[in-house]
Amino acid sequence: MLYMHDVWVNWFEGEENGYNVCYFHEWRKEDGIELLDQVPLLYITKELYKYIENDMHDLPKELLDTIYRRAYIRKGHERTVLDYSCIVTDGDDIVAFDTIGYEIPVRKSRLIPRQEQLVFDMIKGSKQQSFKYDGENYKKEYHMLSPEPKVIFGLTRRERQLKQLLMMGLDQLRTTNNLEELRYWLTEWDPKNYPFIRFMDEDKVWEALYNGIREGWSPAHEDLCAKLIKGQPFLEKMWEFENGKEQNASKQK
């Protein structure tokens, strides 16, 4: 078995989509970076890699047995064994995971560029390992709170977080499904179409609103997000957190 040593990881917990497991250039100073003293490296099939990177389903038992208690994390002078932690690659991309004792990849991380290159060097001449698993016919399902990668492509870490926030606000709006409220928010987004909006039913308004904001990120998206979450403490706190980070980054520049 291949092993890597002294690997820096930045765990993103509970992220089912790989696009939210940030690459090194998007790591932040306040992120909780940890050091894996030793961790197994597996070269696996593209199908299994996507299954691990883009979801939180049960991992193959054979894979779990292979890596059981073979990884160690170091904090100061203390070295602690991890039940199921590993770095996996399909030869094109890389992700580290830790199940925190469960059988699903609860925490995921990218690697720093130097260690990514080391992974590719280490697997040269190796064959991909196959593991049987329940999700062999698995197909990723996307929805409003877990949008397709093409909808997220090109956005920064901050923009992805705010887009998630906007979608959470929209989800609440759809659940309530109040016609006047839906018309109000569509008018906020697209005021030029107000003469037509006031004659639309719930489904038409919702379709126009969702399709209008679904792709990309712009000042108009940001403005709508700020207005939509107002008065919702949890969402407002997330908004303040992300905007606080941008202000700090601007000051540092």
Protein backbone atom coordinates (compact mmCIF):
# COMPACT_ATOMS: atom_id res chain seq x y z
CA MET A 1 0.00 0.00 0.00
CA LEU A 2 1.15 3.54 -0.76
CA TYR A 3 1.43 6.04 2.09
CA MET A 4 1.96 9.78 2.27
CA HIS A 5 3.45 11.63 5.21
CA ASP A 6 3.15 15.16 6.60
CA VAL A 7 0.09 16.03 4.53
CA TRP A 8 -1.66 19.35 5.21
CA VAL A 9 -5.45 19.12 5.05
CA ASN A 10 -8.24 21.68 5.29
CA TRP A 11 -11.36 19.71 6.15
CA PHE A 12 -14.72 20.73 4.70
CA GLU A 13 -17.34 18.89 6.72
CA GLY A 14 -20.64 17.61 5.35
CA GLU A 15 -19.94 18.78 1.78
CA GLU A 16 -21.52 16.40 -0.69
CA ASN A 17 -20.35 18.37 -3.74
CA GLY A 18 -16.72 18.41 -4.74
CA TYR A 19 -16.95 22.02 -5.93
CA ASN A 20 -17.39 23.10 -2.30
CA VAL A 21 -14.22 21.30 -1.19
CA CYS A 22 -11.91 24.22 -1.90
CA TYR A 23 -8.60 23.92 -3.68
CA PHE A 24 -5.51 25.36 -2.03
CA HIS A 25 -5.73 28.80 -3.71
CA GLU A 26 -9.08 29.35 -1.91
CA TRP A 27 -7.95 28.31 1.56
CA ARG A 28 -8.26 31.05 4.17
CA LYS A 29 -5.98 31.99 7.04
CA GLU A 30 -8.70 31.24 9.56
CA ASP A 31 -9.42 27.75 8.15
CA GLY A 32 -8.52 24.94 10.57
CA ILE A 33 -5.53 23.39 8.76
CA GLU A 34 -4.43 20.02 10.18
CA LEU A 35 -1.46 17.74 9.62
CA LEU A 36 -1.85 14.09 8.65
CA ASP A 37 1.28 12.41 9.94
CA GLN A 38 0.59 9.34 7.79
CA VAL A 39 -2.25 8.55 5.40
CA PRO A 40 -2.89 5.77 2.84
CA LEU A 41 -3.06 6.68 -0.85
CA LEU A 42 -5.39 4.72 -3.17
CA TYR A 43 -5.50 4.95 -6.96
CA ILE A 44 -9.14 4.15 -7.78
CA THR A 45 -11.54 4.10 -10.74
CA LYS A 46 -13.09 7.34 -12.00
CA GLU A 47 -16.59 6.11 -11.11
CA LEU A 48 -15.70 5.41 -7.48
CA TYR A 49 -13.74 8.66 -7.25
CA LYS A 50 -16.80 10.69 -8.34
CA TYR A 51 -18.95 8.71 -5.91
CA ILE A 52 -16.63 9.71 -3.03
CA GLU A 53 -15.95 13.29 -4.11
CA ASN A 54 -19.53 14.25 -4.96
CA ASP A 55 -21.68 12.50 -2.40
CA MET A 56 -21.91 11.20 1.14
CA HIS A 57 -22.94 7.58 0.67
CA ASP A 58 -21.54 4.48 2.36
CA LEU A 59 -18.01 3.68 1.23
CA PRO A 60 -17.12 0.19 -0.08
CA LYS A 61 -16.51 -2.18 2.84
CA GLU A 62 -13.39 -3.56 1.17
CA LEU A 63 -11.97 -0.04 0.90
CA LEU A 64 -12.76 0.69 4.55
CA ASP A 65 -11.13 -2.57 5.63
CA THR A 66 -8.04 -1.72 3.57
CA ILE A 67 -7.47 1.66 5.24
CA TYR A 68 -8.71 0.81 8.77
CA ARG A 69 -6.60 2.62 11.40
CA ARG A 70 -3.73 3.22 8.97
CA ALA A 71 -3.87 7.02 9.13
CA TYR A 72 -2.57 9.26 11.89
CA ILE A 73 -3.14 12.93 12.62
CA ARG A 74 -0.63 15.04 14.52
CA LYS A 75 -1.51 17.94 16.81
CA GLY A 76 1.55 19.33 18.54
CA HIS A 77 3.41 16.34 19.95
CA GLU A 78 0.28 14.18 20.03
CA ARG A 79 -0.23 11.52 17.33
CA THR A 80 -3.79 10.14 17.04
CA VAL A 81 -4.99 7.23 14.90
CA LEU A 82 -7.95 7.81 12.55
CA ASP A 83 -10.33 4.90 11.91
CA TYR A 84 -11.01 5.57 8.23
CA SER A 85 -8.99 8.27 6.49
CA CYS A 86 -7.41 8.17 3.08
CA ILE A 87 -6.28 10.09 -0.01
CA VAL A 88 -7.91 8.90 -3.24
CA THR A 89 -7.15 9.82 -6.83
CA ASP A 90 -8.48 8.79 -10.23
CA GLY A 91 -5.30 9.96 -11.91
CA ASP A 92 -6.76 13.38 -12.76
CA ASP A 93 -8.01 14.77 -9.46
CA ILE A 94 -7.34 14.16 -5.77
CA VAL A 95 -9.32 14.33 -2.54
CA ALA A 96 -8.58 13.30 1.03
CA PHE A 97 -11.38 12.13 3.31
CA ASP A 98 -11.99 11.21 6.92
CA THR A 99 -15.16 9.43 8.06
CA ILE A 100 -14.72 10.48 11.73
CA GLY A 101 -15.59 6.89 12.64
CA TYR A 102 -18.60 6.48 10.34
CA GLU A 103 -18.70 4.77 6.95
CA ILE A 104 -19.29 7.86 4.82
CA PRO A 105 -16.76 10.56 3.80
CA VAL A 106 -17.91 13.16 6.34
CA ARG A 107 -14.85 15.41 5.94
CA LYS A 108 -13.05 16.11 2.68
CA SER A 109 -9.99 18.12 1.76
CA ARG A 110 -7.82 19.02 -1.19
CA LEU A 111 -4.03 18.93 -0.95
CA ILE A 112 -1.42 21.63 -1.39
CA PRO A 113 0.04 21.72 -4.96
CA ARG A 114 3.41 20.18 -4.03
CA GLN A 115 1.68 17.18 -2.44
CA GLU A 116 -0.74 16.86 -5.37
CA GLN A 117 2.26 16.48 -7.67
CA LEU A 118 3.71 13.89 -5.30
CA VAL A 119 0.47 11.86 -5.56
CA PHE A 120 0.70 11.79 -9.36
CA ASP A 121 4.37 10.81 -9.16
CA MET A 122 3.61 8.00 -6.70
CA ILE A 123 0.90 6.36 -8.83
CA LYS A 124 2.94 6.32 -12.04
CA GLY A 125 3.06 2.77 -13.35
CA SER A 126 0.33 1.63 -10.90
CA LYS A 127 -3.02 0.10 -11.81
CA GLN A 128 -6.31 1.48 -10.57
CA GLN A 129 -7.82 -0.54 -7.72
CA SER A 130 -11.42 -1.70 -8.03
CA PHE A 131 -13.74 -1.98 -5.05
CA LYS A 132 -17.28 -3.35 -5.21
CA TYR A 133 -19.87 -1.05 -3.71
CA ASP A 134 -23.64 -0.54 -3.56
CA GLY A 135 -23.51 2.60 -5.67
CA GLU A 136 -21.93 1.12 -8.78
CA ASN A 137 -24.95 2.26 -10.83
CA TYR A 138 -25.09 5.49 -8.89
CA LYS A 139 -26.05 8.72 -10.61
CA LYS A 140 -25.68 12.02 -8.82
CA GLU A 141 -28.94 13.89 -8.33
CA TYR A 142 -28.92 17.68 -8.22
CA HIS A 143 -31.56 20.05 -6.88
CA MET A 144 -31.97 23.65 -5.79
CA LEU A 145 -29.85 23.31 -2.64
CA SER A 146 -27.31 21.12 -4.45
CA PRO A 147 -27.01 22.70 -7.89
CA GLU A 148 -25.26 21.22 -10.93
CA PRO A 149 -21.55 22.05 -11.26
CA LYS A 150 -22.15 24.04 -14.46
CA VAL A 151 -24.30 26.46 -12.43
CA ILE A 152 -21.45 26.98 -9.96
CA PHE A 153 -18.52 26.88 -12.40
CA GLY A 154 -16.33 30.00 -12.31
CA LEU A 155 -17.60 31.34 -8.98
CA THR A 156 -15.22 32.20 -6.14
CA ARG A 157 -15.51 30.57 -2.71
CA ARG A 158 -17.37 33.62 -1.38
CA GLU A 159 -19.74 33.70 -4.38
CA ARG A 160 -20.49 29.98 -4.00
CA GLN A 161 -21.33 30.48 -0.34
CA LEU A 162 -23.59 33.44 -1.05
CA LYS A 163 -25.27 31.56 -3.89
CA GLN A 164 -25.99 28.74 -1.46
CA LEU A 165 -27.47 31.34 0.88
CA LEU A 166 -29.64 32.76 -1.90
CA MET A 167 -30.89 29.28 -2.77
CA MET A 168 -31.78 28.65 0.89
CA GLY A 169 -33.80 31.86 0.88
CA LEU A 170 -35.50 30.83 -2.36
CA ASP A 171 -36.26 27.38 -0.97
CA GLN A 172 -38.14 28.98 1.93
CA LEU A 173 -39.97 31.23 -0.51
CA ARG A 174 -41.07 28.23 -2.59
CA THR A 175 -42.20 26.34 0.52
CA THR A 176 -44.42 29.26 1.57
CA ASN A 177 -45.57 29.68 -2.06
CA ASN A 178 -47.37 32.96 -1.41
CA LEU A 179 -48.35 34.42 -4.78
CA GLU A 180 -48.01 38.09 -3.81
CA GLU A 181 -44.69 37.44 -2.13
CA LEU A 182 -43.40 35.58 -5.20
CA ARG A 183 -44.54 38.41 -7.47
CA TYR A 184 -42.83 40.93 -5.20
CA TRP A 185 -39.45 39.15 -5.36
CA LEU A 186 -39.64 38.58 -9.10
CA THR A 187 -40.34 42.30 -9.52
CA GLU A 188 -37.29 43.06 -7.35
CA TRP A 189 -35.23 40.87 -9.66
CA ASP A 190 -36.80 41.96 -12.95
CA PRO A 191 -38.68 45.27 -12.47
CA LYS A 192 -39.07 45.90 -16.21
CA ASN A 193 -41.44 42.96 -16.46
CA TYR A 194 -43.80 44.14 -13.71
CA PRO A 195 -46.72 44.69 -16.15
CA PHE A 196 -46.59 40.97 -17.01
CA ILE A 197 -45.61 39.67 -13.56
CA ARG A 198 -48.82 40.90 -11.93
CA PHE A 199 -50.85 38.53 -14.12
CA MET A 200 -48.68 35.42 -13.57
CA ASP A 201 -49.72 32.51 -11.34
CA GLU A 202 -47.47 30.91 -8.68
CA ASP A 203 -45.83 28.40 -11.01
CA LYS A 204 -45.06 30.92 -13.74
CA VAL A 205 -43.64 33.43 -11.28
CA TRP A 206 -41.53 30.79 -9.58
CA GLU A 207 -40.22 29.46 -12.88
CA ALA A 208 -39.24 32.96 -14.06
CA LEU A 209 -37.57 33.80 -10.73
CA TYR A 210 -35.65 30.54 -10.37
CA ASN A 211 -34.52 30.37 -14.00
CA GLY A 212 -33.51 34.02 -13.87
CA ILE A 213 -31.13 33.70 -10.93
CA ARG A 214 -30.09 30.05 -11.35
CA GLU A 215 -26.88 30.65 -13.27
CA GLY A 216 -23.92 32.90 -12.56
CA TRP A 217 -23.34 35.54 -9.91
CA SER A 218 -23.62 39.31 -10.28
CA PRO A 219 -24.26 42.46 -8.21
CA ALA A 220 -27.98 41.88 -8.92
CA HIS A 221 -27.76 38.38 -7.36
CA GLU A 222 -25.97 39.82 -4.34
CA ASP A 223 -28.52 42.61 -3.92
CA LEU A 224 -31.44 40.17 -4.09
CA CYS A 225 -29.76 37.82 -1.63
CA ALA A 226 -29.20 40.62 0.92
CA LYS A 227 -32.87 41.66 0.71
CA LEU A 228 -34.31 38.13 0.69
CA ILE A 229 -32.57 36.96 3.88
CA LYS A 230 -33.26 40.12 5.88
CA GLY A 231 -34.91 39.31 9.19
CA GLN A 232 -33.69 35.70 9.24
CA PRO A 233 -30.96 35.62 11.93
CA PHE A 234 -29.27 32.38 10.84
CA LEU A 235 -29.00 33.40 7.19
CA GLU A 236 -28.01 36.95 8.11
CA LYS A 237 -25.17 35.59 10.25
CA MET A 238 -23.87 33.56 7.30
CA TRP A 239 -24.11 36.66 5.09
CA GLU A 240 -22.14 38.76 7.59
CA PHE A 241 -19.52 36.02 7.91
CA GLU A 242 -18.84 35.86 4.16
CA ASN A 243 -18.85 39.63 3.71
CA GLY A 244 -16.61 40.07 6.73
CA LYS A 245 -14.10 37.74 5.08
CA GLU A 246 -14.07 39.83 1.91
CA GLN A 247 -13.53 43.05 3.83
CA ASN A 248 -10.62 41.51 5.73
CA ALA A 249 -9.08 40.24 2.48
CA SER A 250 -9.36 43.75 0.96
CA LYS A 251 -7.63 45.30 3.97
CA GLN A 252 -4.78 42.78 3.76
CA LYS A 253 -4.21 43.68 0.10
